[in-house]
Amino acid sequence: QVQLVESGGGLVQAGGSLRLSCAASGHTFSTHHVGWLRQAPGKERVFVATISASGGSTTYTSSVKGRFFISRDNAKNTVYLQMNSLKPEDTAVYYCASTQIPWAVLQTTGKGYSFWGQGTQVTVSS
């Protein structure tokens, strides 16, 4: 079992930065691919970024490319999402999730996460 806890959300002005953290418990976390997803009010939860178990591969949704950066420190069982140049449309609850399904399957389907955090609110004011 893996438990995920997000932190680092808050209120920030447009153009500002935040770093989200996803801390995991469980000795198998280093074998899990991890994704950040977000859900804005009244909208579906959508993919933001993923990082492979080794940290060697990352993917981003087009709207955050060049502004958001996902990384991980397996020694600390933590995945980060550095968010720069934030925009009001980035406002959402951000979730981290993890899975051991093959990387190619995750990239193709965007589904298959086994473990989820409780979410952290990010609000960007204009």
Protein backbone atom coordinates (compact mmCIF):
# COMPACT_ATOMS: atom_id res chain seq x y z
CA GLN A 1 0.00 0.00 0.00
CA VAL A 2 1.05 3.56 -0.73
CA GLN A 3 -0.40 6.64 0.92
CA LEU A 4 0.02 10.02 -0.75
CA VAL A 5 -0.21 13.42 0.90
CA GLU A 6 -0.06 16.64 -1.12
CA SER A 7 1.05 19.98 0.25
CA GLY A 8 2.17 23.38 -0.97
CA GLY A 9 -1.06 24.74 -2.37
CA GLY A 10 -2.32 28.20 -1.62
CA LEU A 11 -3.32 31.58 -2.99
CA VAL A 12 -0.95 33.31 -5.38
CA GLN A 13 -1.16 36.21 -7.80
CA ALA A 14 -0.99 35.65 -11.53
CA GLY A 15 2.61 35.33 -12.61
CA GLY A 16 3.67 33.87 -9.31
CA SER A 17 5.04 30.45 -8.43
CA LEU A 18 4.20 27.57 -6.15
CA ARG A 19 5.81 24.21 -5.52
CA LEU A 20 3.57 21.31 -4.71
CA SER A 21 4.86 18.25 -2.92
CA CYS A 22 3.49 14.73 -2.89
CA ALA A 23 4.90 12.75 0.01
CA ALA A 24 4.45 9.00 -0.08
CA SER A 25 4.57 6.28 2.50
CA GLY A 26 5.34 2.74 1.48
CA HIS A 27 8.59 1.10 0.51
CA THR A 28 7.56 0.48 -3.10
CA PHE A 29 7.09 4.13 -4.08
CA SER A 30 10.27 4.15 -6.14
CA THR A 31 8.62 1.63 -8.46
CA HIS A 32 5.56 3.82 -9.02
CA HIS A 33 4.98 6.24 -11.85
CA VAL A 34 3.38 9.39 -10.48
CA GLY A 35 1.01 11.87 -11.99
CA TRP A 36 -0.32 15.26 -11.05
CA LEU A 37 -3.91 15.91 -12.06
CA ARG A 38 -6.18 18.86 -11.37
CA GLN A 39 -9.87 19.54 -11.10
CA ALA A 40 -11.32 22.99 -11.53
CA PRO A 41 -14.77 23.84 -10.16
CA GLY A 42 -17.49 22.28 -12.28
CA LYS A 43 -15.00 20.49 -14.51
CA GLU A 44 -13.58 17.02 -14.83
CA ARG A 45 -10.26 16.05 -13.32
CA VAL A 46 -7.55 16.27 -15.99
CA PHE A 47 -3.94 15.29 -16.47
CA VAL A 48 -1.25 17.86 -15.76
CA ALA A 49 2.07 15.98 -15.67
CA THR A 50 3.56 12.56 -15.09
CA ILE A 51 6.96 11.25 -14.13
CA SER A 52 8.26 7.74 -14.50
CA ALA A 53 9.36 5.64 -11.54
CA SER A 54 13.03 6.34 -12.23
CA GLY A 55 12.43 10.00 -12.94
CA GLY A 56 13.92 9.60 -16.38
CA SER A 57 10.75 10.39 -18.33
CA THR A 58 8.23 13.17 -17.93
CA THR A 59 5.17 14.34 -19.82
CA TYR A 60 3.05 17.47 -19.59
CA THR A 61 -0.26 18.68 -20.84
CA SER A 62 0.26 21.33 -23.47
CA SER A 63 -1.17 24.19 -21.41
CA VAL A 64 1.56 23.88 -18.75
CA LYS A 65 4.60 23.03 -20.88
CA GLY A 66 7.45 25.38 -20.16
CA ARG A 67 5.78 26.64 -16.97
CA PHE A 68 5.39 23.52 -14.81
CA PHE A 69 8.13 21.04 -13.98
CA ILE A 70 7.67 17.66 -12.34
CA SER A 71 10.50 15.97 -10.46
CA ARG A 72 11.00 13.34 -7.80
CA ASP A 73 13.39 12.39 -5.04
CA ASN A 74 12.99 8.69 -4.43
CA ALA A 75 15.26 8.83 -1.40
CA LYS A 76 12.69 11.13 0.18
CA ASN A 77 9.66 9.36 -1.33
CA THR A 78 8.51 12.70 -2.69
CA VAL A 79 7.37 14.04 -6.04
CA TYR A 80 7.28 17.75 -6.75
CA LEU A 81 5.43 20.00 -9.14
CA GLN A 82 7.11 23.36 -9.62
CA MET A 83 4.56 25.76 -11.06
CA ASN A 84 5.78 29.04 -12.53
CA SER A 85 4.06 31.88 -14.37
CA LEU A 86 0.77 30.84 -12.87
CA LYS A 87 -2.44 31.93 -14.56
CA PRO A 88 -5.99 32.21 -13.19
CA GLU A 89 -6.95 29.22 -15.33
CA ASP A 90 -4.53 27.10 -13.29
CA THR A 91 -6.88 27.45 -10.34
CA ALA A 92 -7.93 23.96 -9.27
CA VAL A 93 -7.55 21.25 -6.70
CA TYR A 94 -4.33 19.42 -7.53
CA TYR A 95 -4.02 15.70 -6.88
CA CYS A 96 -1.08 13.38 -7.06
CA ALA A 97 -1.61 9.75 -7.93
CA SER A 98 0.62 6.74 -8.42
CA THR A 99 0.59 3.49 -10.33
CA GLN A 100 2.74 0.53 -11.29
CA ILE A 101 1.11 -0.11 -14.65
CA PRO A 102 3.54 0.08 -17.61
CA TRP A 103 4.63 3.60 -18.56
CA ALA A 104 3.45 3.17 -22.14
CA VAL A 105 -0.01 2.14 -20.99
CA LEU A 106 -0.24 5.12 -18.66
CA GLN A 107 0.75 7.51 -21.43
CA THR A 108 -1.73 5.97 -23.85
CA THR A 109 -4.74 5.78 -21.56
CA GLY A 110 -4.07 8.37 -18.88
CA LYS A 111 -5.76 5.98 -16.51
CA GLY A 112 -4.83 3.21 -14.11
CA TYR A 113 -3.75 5.10 -11.04
CA SER A 114 -3.99 2.93 -7.94
CA PHE A 115 -3.34 5.42 -5.18
CA TRP A 116 -4.51 9.02 -4.74
CA GLY A 117 -3.82 11.88 -2.42
CA GLN A 118 -6.51 14.05 -0.88
CA GLY A 119 -5.72 17.08 -3.04
CA THR A 120 -4.41 20.56 -2.39
CA GLN A 121 -6.11 23.78 -3.48
CA VAL A 122 -4.28 26.17 -5.78
CA THR A 123 -5.93 29.54 -6.38
CA VAL A 124 -4.44 32.07 -8.78
CA SER A 125 -5.83 35.57 -8.59
CA SER A 126 -5.78 37.96 -11.54
